[in-house]
N, C-alpha and C. Protein backbone atom coordinates (compact mmCIF):
# COMPACT_ATOMS: atom_id res chain seq x y z
N MET A 1 166.63 100.83 190.49
CA MET A 1 165.98 101.71 189.72
C MET A 1 165.47 101.43 188.53
N ALA A 2 166.28 100.74 187.68
CA ALA A 2 165.80 100.28 186.20
C ALA A 2 164.77 99.34 186.46
N GLY A 3 165.01 98.51 187.29
CA GLY A 3 164.13 97.23 187.53
C GLY A 3 162.73 97.83 188.14
N ALA A 4 162.42 98.80 188.82
CA ALA A 4 161.18 99.39 189.23
C ALA A 4 160.63 100.04 188.31
N TRP A 5 161.37 100.81 187.14
CA TRP A 5 160.87 101.41 186.36
C TRP A 5 160.26 100.30 185.15
N THR A 6 161.12 99.30 185.02
CA THR A 6 160.84 98.42 183.89
C THR A 6 159.51 97.77 184.23
N ALA A 7 159.46 97.49 185.71
CA ALA A 7 158.18 96.72 186.29
C ALA A 7 157.00 97.53 185.97
N ALA A 8 157.10 99.13 186.15
CA ALA A 8 156.12 100.15 186.14
C ALA A 8 155.63 100.39 184.72
N GLY A 9 156.51 100.32 183.94
CA GLY A 9 156.15 100.72 182.53
C GLY A 9 155.56 99.35 181.68
N ARG A 10 155.69 98.29 182.28
CA ARG A 10 155.45 96.92 181.79
C ARG A 10 153.94 97.03 181.35
N THR A 11 153.06 97.29 182.02
CA THR A 11 151.64 97.24 181.83
C THR A 11 150.84 98.32 182.34
N ALA A 12 149.80 98.69 181.67
CA ALA A 12 149.05 99.60 182.27
C ALA A 12 147.67 98.91 182.81
N LEU A 13 147.62 99.40 184.23
CA LEU A 13 146.42 98.68 184.96
C LEU A 13 146.24 97.14 185.01
N GLY A 14 147.45 96.72 184.80
CA GLY A 14 147.48 95.05 184.62
C GLY A 14 146.89 94.47 183.49
N VAL A 15 146.61 95.17 182.44
CA VAL A 15 146.29 94.74 181.08
C VAL A 15 147.60 94.51 180.09
N PRO A 16 147.55 93.31 179.77
CA PRO A 16 149.00 92.93 179.02
C PRO A 16 148.87 93.84 177.78
N PRO A 17 150.25 94.33 177.54
CA PRO A 17 150.40 95.19 176.06
C PRO A 17 150.04 94.49 174.91
N ASP A 18 150.11 93.20 174.84
CA ASP A 18 149.51 92.79 173.44
C ASP A 18 148.05 92.83 173.15
N VAL A 19 147.53 92.74 174.37
CA VAL A 19 145.92 92.97 174.29
C VAL A 19 145.56 94.18 174.00
N VAL A 20 146.08 95.08 174.48
CA VAL A 20 145.72 96.61 174.19
C VAL A 20 146.09 97.05 172.76
N ALA A 21 147.45 96.50 172.14
CA ALA A 21 147.83 96.46 170.89
C ALA A 21 146.90 95.99 169.96
N ARG A 22 146.59 94.66 170.09
CA ARG A 22 145.60 93.86 169.23
C ARG A 22 144.16 94.73 169.30
N ALA A 23 143.49 95.16 170.44
CA ALA A 23 142.44 95.80 170.37
C ALA A 23 142.39 97.31 169.49
N TYR A 24 143.66 97.93 169.85
CA TYR A 24 143.83 99.44 169.16
C TYR A 24 144.20 98.64 167.67
N ARG A 25 144.66 98.03 167.09
CA ARG A 25 144.74 97.69 165.87
C ARG A 25 143.67 97.04 165.01
N GLU A 26 142.78 96.38 165.64
CA GLU A 26 141.76 95.54 164.94
C GLU A 26 140.46 96.39 165.09
N ARG A 27 140.16 97.27 165.87
CA ARG A 27 139.02 98.23 166.35
C ARG A 27 137.75 97.38 166.54
N GLU A 28 137.69 96.27 165.82
CA GLU A 28 136.45 95.18 166.11
C GLU A 28 136.57 94.01 166.43
N GLY A 29 135.58 93.38 166.74
CA GLY A 29 135.74 91.87 166.84
C GLY A 29 136.11 91.22 168.31
N GLU A 30 136.74 90.34 168.33
CA GLU A 30 137.25 89.61 169.53
C GLU A 30 138.10 90.18 170.41
N ALA A 31 138.97 90.95 169.65
CA ALA A 31 139.97 91.76 170.46
C ALA A 31 139.19 92.85 171.20
N SER A 32 138.28 93.50 170.73
CA SER A 32 137.75 94.41 171.53
C SER A 32 136.89 93.87 172.94
N VAL A 33 136.28 92.82 172.66
CA VAL A 33 135.76 91.94 173.82
C VAL A 33 136.70 91.43 174.69
N VAL A 34 137.83 91.19 174.14
CA VAL A 34 138.75 90.75 175.29
C VAL A 34 139.81 91.87 176.02
N LEU A 35 139.69 92.98 175.47
CA LEU A 35 140.34 94.13 176.20
C LEU A 35 138.98 94.55 177.08
N LEU A 36 137.76 94.65 176.85
CA LEU A 36 136.94 94.95 177.74
C LEU A 36 136.57 93.65 178.79
N ASP A 37 136.83 92.65 178.50
CA ASP A 37 136.89 91.59 179.47
C ASP A 37 138.27 91.92 180.72
N TRP A 38 139.27 92.19 180.09
CA TRP A 38 140.53 92.41 180.90
C TRP A 38 140.09 93.57 181.98
N LEU A 39 139.54 94.70 181.12
CA LEU A 39 139.32 95.83 182.07
C LEU A 39 138.21 95.72 182.96
N SER A 40 137.25 94.96 182.78
CA SER A 40 136.29 94.47 183.75
C SER A 40 137.15 93.67 184.95
N LEU A 41 137.71 92.96 184.73
CA LEU A 41 138.61 92.21 185.64
C LEU A 41 139.62 93.14 186.46
N MET A 42 140.13 94.01 185.88
CA MET A 42 141.30 94.53 186.53
C MET A 42 140.84 95.93 187.08
N LEU A 43 139.86 96.62 186.65
CA LEU A 43 139.46 97.98 187.09
C LEU A 43 138.89 97.95 188.56
N PRO A 44 138.43 97.11 189.07
CA PRO A 44 137.99 96.95 190.68
C PRO A 44 138.94 96.96 191.57
N ARG A 45 140.33 96.55 191.22
CA ARG A 45 141.69 96.61 191.85
C ARG A 45 141.90 98.14 191.95
N TRP A 46 141.62 98.97 191.26
CA TRP A 46 141.96 100.23 191.06
C TRP A 46 140.71 101.15 191.81
N ARG A 47 140.31 100.81 192.62
CA ARG A 47 138.99 101.60 193.30
C ARG A 47 139.32 102.02 194.69
N ALA A 48 139.35 102.93 195.15
CA ALA A 48 139.24 103.60 196.64
C ALA A 48 138.36 104.48 196.97
N ARG A 49 137.75 104.08 198.16
CA ARG A 49 136.84 105.11 198.61
C ARG A 49 137.42 106.34 199.09
N PRO A 50 136.67 107.23 199.28
CA PRO A 50 137.32 108.72 199.44
C PRO A 50 138.06 108.59 200.74
N SER A 51 137.57 107.90 202.04
CA SER A 51 138.41 107.97 203.16
C SER A 51 139.67 107.03 203.03
N GLU A 52 139.48 105.92 202.29
CA GLU A 52 140.85 105.13 202.02
C GLU A 52 141.74 106.01 201.29
N GLY A 53 141.19 106.64 200.27
CA GLY A 53 142.31 107.56 199.51
C GLY A 53 142.96 108.71 200.07
N ALA A 54 142.06 109.32 200.98
CA ALA A 54 142.86 110.17 202.11
C ALA A 54 143.86 109.55 202.99
N VAL A 55 143.56 108.51 203.55
CA VAL A 55 144.52 107.94 204.43
C VAL A 55 145.81 107.55 203.43
N LEU A 56 145.37 106.80 202.65
CA LEU A 56 146.52 106.50 201.69
C LEU A 56 147.82 107.83 201.19
N PHE A 57 146.83 108.75 200.78
CA PHE A 57 147.41 109.83 200.17
C PHE A 57 148.38 110.55 201.44
N GLY A 58 147.78 110.56 202.57
CA GLY A 58 148.41 111.25 203.68
C GLY A 58 149.43 110.53 204.32
N LEU A 59 149.40 109.13 204.19
CA LEU A 59 150.60 108.43 204.70
C LEU A 59 151.53 108.58 203.45
N SER A 60 151.48 108.58 202.28
CA SER A 60 152.40 108.61 201.36
C SER A 60 153.12 109.95 201.38
N VAL A 61 152.39 110.82 201.68
CA VAL A 61 152.94 112.38 201.54
C VAL A 61 153.99 112.34 203.03
N PHE A 62 153.54 111.77 204.10
CA PHE A 62 154.32 111.72 205.30
C PHE A 62 155.68 111.00 204.87
N VAL A 63 155.43 109.64 204.31
CA VAL A 63 156.81 109.06 204.22
C VAL A 63 157.87 109.95 203.17
N LEU A 64 157.11 110.39 202.32
CA LEU A 64 157.96 111.04 201.29
C LEU A 64 158.65 112.31 201.82
N VAL A 65 157.89 113.05 202.59
CA VAL A 65 158.39 114.32 203.45
C VAL A 65 159.61 113.74 204.29
N ALA A 66 158.97 112.85 204.95
CA ALA A 66 160.15 112.10 206.09
C ALA A 66 161.34 111.93 205.25
N LEU A 67 161.49 111.00 204.26
CA LEU A 67 162.45 110.95 203.43
C LEU A 67 163.22 111.95 202.76
N ALA A 68 162.58 112.88 202.32
CA ALA A 68 163.08 114.14 201.61
C ALA A 68 164.02 114.82 202.84
N VAL A 69 163.50 114.85 204.16
CA VAL A 69 164.15 115.67 205.26
C VAL A 69 165.53 114.85 205.44
N LEU A 70 165.28 113.46 205.65
CA LEU A 70 166.41 112.92 206.07
C LEU A 70 167.50 112.62 204.96
N GLY A 71 166.85 112.78 203.69
CA GLY A 71 167.91 112.54 202.72
C GLY A 71 168.61 113.93 201.99
N PHE A 72 167.75 115.24 201.98
CA PHE A 72 168.32 116.09 201.65
C PHE A 72 168.50 117.16 202.69
N GLY A 73 167.85 116.93 204.09
CA GLY A 73 168.34 117.70 205.11
C GLY A 73 169.30 117.28 205.80
N TYR A 74 169.64 116.15 205.97
CA TYR A 74 170.62 115.31 206.79
C TYR A 74 171.50 114.48 205.99
N ARG A 75 171.49 114.65 204.69
CA ARG A 75 172.48 114.11 203.54
C ARG A 75 172.56 112.40 203.68
N LEU A 76 171.46 111.97 204.18
CA LEU A 76 171.62 110.52 204.29
C LEU A 76 171.17 109.99 202.61
N GLU A 77 172.25 109.24 201.98
CA GLU A 77 172.18 109.03 200.86
C GLU A 77 170.96 107.93 200.34
N MET A 78 170.78 107.00 201.22
CA MET A 78 169.80 106.14 200.95
C MET A 78 168.35 106.68 200.93
N ALA A 79 168.21 107.63 201.65
CA ALA A 79 167.04 108.43 201.78
C ALA A 79 166.88 109.25 200.45
N GLN A 80 167.67 109.73 200.00
CA GLN A 80 167.84 110.51 198.98
C GLN A 80 167.51 109.61 197.50
N ALA A 81 168.05 108.38 197.64
CA ALA A 81 167.60 107.75 196.66
C ALA A 81 166.18 107.00 196.69
N LEU A 82 165.67 107.01 197.96
CA LEU A 82 164.52 106.45 197.78
C LEU A 82 163.31 107.65 197.54
N VAL A 83 163.73 108.79 197.93
CA VAL A 83 162.80 109.77 197.44
C VAL A 83 162.92 110.04 195.86
N LEU A 84 164.10 109.73 195.26
CA LEU A 84 164.27 109.93 193.77
C LEU A 84 163.48 108.72 193.03
N LEU A 85 163.31 107.51 193.64
CA LEU A 85 162.55 106.48 193.12
C LEU A 85 161.06 106.47 193.39
N LEU A 86 160.72 106.77 194.88
CA LEU A 86 159.21 106.71 195.34
C LEU A 86 158.58 107.80 194.84
N LEU A 87 158.98 109.15 194.72
CA LEU A 87 158.24 110.05 194.29
C LEU A 87 157.33 109.94 192.83
N PRO A 88 158.38 109.65 191.89
CA PRO A 88 157.88 109.51 190.57
C PRO A 88 157.11 108.35 190.44
N LEU A 89 157.31 107.25 191.19
CA LEU A 89 156.38 106.09 191.11
C LEU A 89 155.03 106.50 191.72
N GLY A 90 154.91 107.06 193.03
CA GLY A 90 153.67 107.73 193.60
C GLY A 90 152.94 108.33 192.40
N LEU A 91 153.71 109.31 191.68
CA LEU A 91 152.86 109.94 190.60
C LEU A 91 152.42 109.18 189.63
N VAL A 92 153.07 108.01 189.35
CA VAL A 92 152.35 106.93 188.22
C VAL A 92 151.31 106.19 188.99
N VAL A 93 151.23 106.05 190.02
CA VAL A 93 150.20 105.30 191.01
C VAL A 93 148.91 106.61 190.70
N LEU A 94 149.14 107.63 191.15
CA LEU A 94 148.24 108.56 191.01
C LEU A 94 147.48 108.54 189.80
N ALA A 95 148.46 108.60 188.68
CA ALA A 95 147.90 108.53 187.37
C ALA A 95 147.07 107.32 186.86
N ARG A 96 147.55 106.28 187.37
CA ARG A 96 146.88 104.94 187.26
C ARG A 96 145.17 105.06 187.78
N PHE A 97 145.14 105.77 189.17
CA PHE A 97 143.98 105.86 189.89
C PHE A 97 143.14 106.59 188.85
N ARG A 98 143.29 107.77 188.47
CA ARG A 98 143.02 108.70 187.27
C ARG A 98 142.35 107.78 186.20
N LEU A 99 143.19 107.06 185.53
CA LEU A 99 143.17 106.35 184.19
C LEU A 99 141.92 105.49 184.59
N ALA A 100 142.07 104.57 185.67
CA ALA A 100 141.05 103.72 186.12
C ALA A 100 139.59 104.44 186.23
N ALA A 101 139.64 105.55 186.77
CA ALA A 101 138.28 106.16 186.91
C ALA A 101 137.66 106.48 185.55
N ARG A 102 138.54 106.95 184.91
CA ARG A 102 138.05 107.28 183.42
C ARG A 102 137.65 106.00 182.64
N LEU A 103 138.46 105.00 182.76
CA LEU A 103 138.00 103.65 182.09
C LEU A 103 136.68 103.30 182.60
N ARG A 104 136.49 103.23 183.92
CA ARG A 104 135.43 102.57 184.45
C ARG A 104 134.26 103.44 183.92
N LEU A 105 134.14 104.72 183.83
CA LEU A 105 133.05 105.34 183.24
C LEU A 105 132.88 104.85 181.79
N LEU A 106 133.91 104.62 180.93
CA LEU A 106 133.94 104.30 179.60
C LEU A 106 133.05 102.88 179.66
N LEU A 107 133.67 101.96 180.48
CA LEU A 107 133.12 100.67 180.55
C LEU A 107 131.82 100.63 180.95
N SER A 108 131.35 101.60 181.96
CA SER A 108 129.84 101.45 182.38
C SER A 108 129.01 102.12 181.17
N ALA A 109 129.44 102.91 180.57
CA ALA A 109 128.67 103.45 179.26
C ALA A 109 128.71 102.36 178.30
N ALA A 110 129.91 101.78 177.98
CA ALA A 110 129.72 100.39 177.13
C ALA A 110 128.68 99.41 177.63
N HIS A 111 128.71 99.20 178.86
CA HIS A 111 127.69 98.31 179.39
C HIS A 111 126.26 98.64 179.30
N ALA A 112 126.14 99.93 179.54
CA ALA A 112 124.53 100.34 179.43
C ALA A 112 124.13 100.70 177.85
N GLY A 113 125.16 100.46 176.99
CA GLY A 113 124.54 100.39 175.63
C GLY A 113 124.71 101.97 174.99
N GLU A 114 125.21 102.75 175.84
CA GLU A 114 125.17 104.26 175.47
C GLU A 114 126.40 104.41 174.01
N ILE A 115 127.30 103.42 174.26
CA ILE A 115 128.46 103.60 173.06
C ILE A 115 128.55 102.06 172.96
N SER A 116 129.15 101.76 171.46
CA SER A 116 129.14 100.32 171.17
C SER A 116 130.61 99.89 171.91
N ALA A 117 130.61 98.47 171.78
CA ALA A 117 131.64 97.70 172.52
C ALA A 117 132.94 98.03 171.79
N ALA A 118 132.91 98.05 170.50
CA ALA A 118 134.15 98.45 169.52
C ALA A 118 134.60 99.84 170.00
N SER A 119 133.84 100.85 169.91
CA SER A 119 134.29 102.15 170.11
C SER A 119 134.83 102.48 171.68
N ALA A 120 134.31 101.84 172.63
CA ALA A 120 134.70 101.74 173.92
C ALA A 120 136.08 101.01 174.01
N ALA A 121 136.20 99.93 173.31
CA ALA A 121 137.51 99.13 173.25
C ALA A 121 138.54 100.28 172.49
N THR A 122 138.20 100.71 171.72
CA THR A 122 139.19 101.52 170.78
C THR A 122 139.51 102.64 171.67
N ASP A 123 138.74 103.48 172.45
CA ASP A 123 139.10 104.42 173.17
C ASP A 123 139.83 103.91 174.50
N ALA A 124 139.59 103.01 175.02
CA ALA A 124 140.02 102.32 176.11
C ALA A 124 141.51 102.02 175.71
N ALA A 125 141.79 101.60 174.61
CA ALA A 125 143.20 101.26 173.99
C ALA A 125 143.92 102.40 173.84
N ARG A 126 143.33 103.39 173.46
CA ARG A 126 143.94 104.45 172.95
C ARG A 126 144.61 105.15 174.53
N GLN A 127 143.57 105.32 175.17
CA GLN A 127 144.17 105.99 176.73
C GLN A 127 145.22 104.86 177.26
N LEU A 128 145.07 103.73 177.15
CA LEU A 128 146.03 102.83 177.89
C LEU A 128 147.54 102.97 177.21
N ARG A 129 147.27 103.21 175.65
CA ARG A 129 148.73 103.46 174.91
C ARG A 129 149.48 104.81 175.50
N ILE A 130 148.54 105.69 175.56
CA ILE A 130 148.89 106.91 175.93
C ILE A 130 149.68 106.89 177.32
N HIS A 131 149.05 106.26 178.23
CA HIS A 131 149.32 106.07 179.79
C HIS A 131 150.73 105.27 179.77
N ARG A 132 150.75 104.30 179.04
CA ARG A 132 152.02 103.60 178.94
C ARG A 132 153.15 104.36 178.16
N PHE A 133 153.07 105.24 177.14
CA PHE A 133 153.85 105.91 176.50
C PHE A 133 154.62 107.18 177.71
N VAL A 134 153.48 107.70 178.39
CA VAL A 134 153.87 108.62 179.41
C VAL A 134 154.56 107.91 180.51
N VAL A 135 154.43 106.99 180.89
CA VAL A 135 155.03 106.32 182.21
C VAL A 135 156.45 105.79 181.39
N ASN A 136 156.60 105.48 180.40
CA ASN A 136 157.82 105.09 179.67
C ASN A 136 158.57 106.42 179.72
N GLY A 137 158.03 107.39 179.32
CA GLY A 137 158.67 108.64 179.11
C GLY A 137 159.28 109.21 180.54
N LEU A 138 158.64 109.13 181.42
CA LEU A 138 158.80 109.49 182.66
C LEU A 138 159.86 108.68 183.29
N SER A 139 159.91 107.33 182.91
CA SER A 139 161.07 106.71 183.41
C SER A 139 162.38 106.87 182.80
N ILE A 140 162.36 107.29 181.49
CA ILE A 140 163.63 107.55 180.90
C ILE A 140 164.28 109.08 181.57
N VAL A 141 163.04 110.07 182.01
CA VAL A 141 163.61 111.20 182.65
C VAL A 141 164.20 110.87 184.15
N VAL A 142 163.39 110.18 184.55
CA VAL A 142 163.71 109.83 186.03
C VAL A 142 164.91 109.01 186.33
N ILE A 143 165.02 108.15 185.46
CA ILE A 143 166.70 107.35 185.50
C ILE A 143 167.66 108.74 185.19
N ALA A 144 167.52 109.31 184.22
CA ALA A 144 168.47 110.21 183.86
C ALA A 144 168.70 111.33 185.09
N VAL A 145 167.59 111.69 185.82
CA VAL A 145 167.75 112.63 186.80
C VAL A 145 168.45 112.02 187.96
N ALA A 146 168.14 110.67 188.20
CA ALA A 146 168.81 109.80 189.47
C ALA A 146 170.28 109.88 189.02
N ALA A 147 170.65 109.42 187.84
CA ALA A 147 172.12 109.22 187.28
C ALA A 147 172.89 110.65 187.50
N TRP A 148 172.27 111.64 187.14
CA TRP A 148 172.57 112.86 187.15
C TRP A 148 173.20 113.37 188.78
N TRP A 149 172.13 112.89 189.50
CA TRP A 149 172.35 113.20 191.11
C TRP A 149 173.36 112.31 191.65
N GLY A 150 173.23 111.00 191.16
CA GLY A 150 174.33 110.24 191.64
C GLY A 150 175.92 110.68 191.26
N ALA A 151 176.15 111.22 190.03
CA ALA A 151 177.29 111.65 189.66
C ALA A 151 177.62 112.89 190.21
N LEU A 152 176.72 113.89 190.66
CA LEU A 152 177.12 115.04 191.26
C LEU A 152 177.36 114.79 192.66
N TRP A 153 176.62 113.63 193.25
CA TRP A 153 177.21 113.11 194.68
C TRP A 153 178.42 112.50 194.97
N LEU A 154 178.66 111.88 193.58
CA LEU A 154 180.27 111.35 193.67
C LEU A 154 181.24 112.31 193.51
N LEU A 155 180.90 113.38 192.74
CA LEU A 155 181.83 114.36 192.54
C LEU A 155 182.15 115.30 193.88
N ALA A 156 180.89 115.42 194.35
CA ALA A 156 181.11 116.14 195.99
C ALA A 156 181.71 115.23 196.83
N HIS A 157 181.81 114.07 196.72
CA HIS A 157 182.12 113.04 197.98
C HIS A 157 183.21 111.98 197.22
N PRO A 158 184.29 112.59 196.81
CA PRO A 158 185.28 111.47 195.89
C PRO A 158 185.66 110.26 196.78
N TYR A 159 185.70 110.57 198.12
CA TYR A 159 186.29 109.37 198.88
C TYR A 159 184.98 108.74 199.49
N GLY A 160 183.71 108.84 199.11
CA GLY A 160 182.59 108.23 199.76
C GLY A 160 182.17 108.65 200.74
N PHE A 161 182.57 109.95 201.59
CA PHE A 161 181.96 110.15 202.67
C PHE A 161 182.02 111.67 202.47
């Protein structure tokens, strides 16, 4: 659980945190260009056509509902653990797709010359920092809920069955 959330909170959309921090601090110059280059490389990976998104969403919901029924309906501990892990990670993936869509619009506006590269990089860095902060906060809450659920399960099943 901790390893999965560490990996999830490490980067936002694959952009290293030091690139985001430097672009946010400097606000102009080479750091802005580096951040925009990273975004132009990473954002195409976070694009899905509507049909692909619907299939991915449908499969994800099916797997989560099946695991929830197995875990909480039939009391299978492994399914409970997977629901407690995969449900919030699915929300993070959904948030990343939305962030990528917002940043794609920002990047295209900067490419078209509607806004300056420095202001686009500053706004992108701000959005990436907020996303990373939210994911890290969510990871703390999810790990606490999973630990609480595990403690309740152990109290209810003192001999392990």
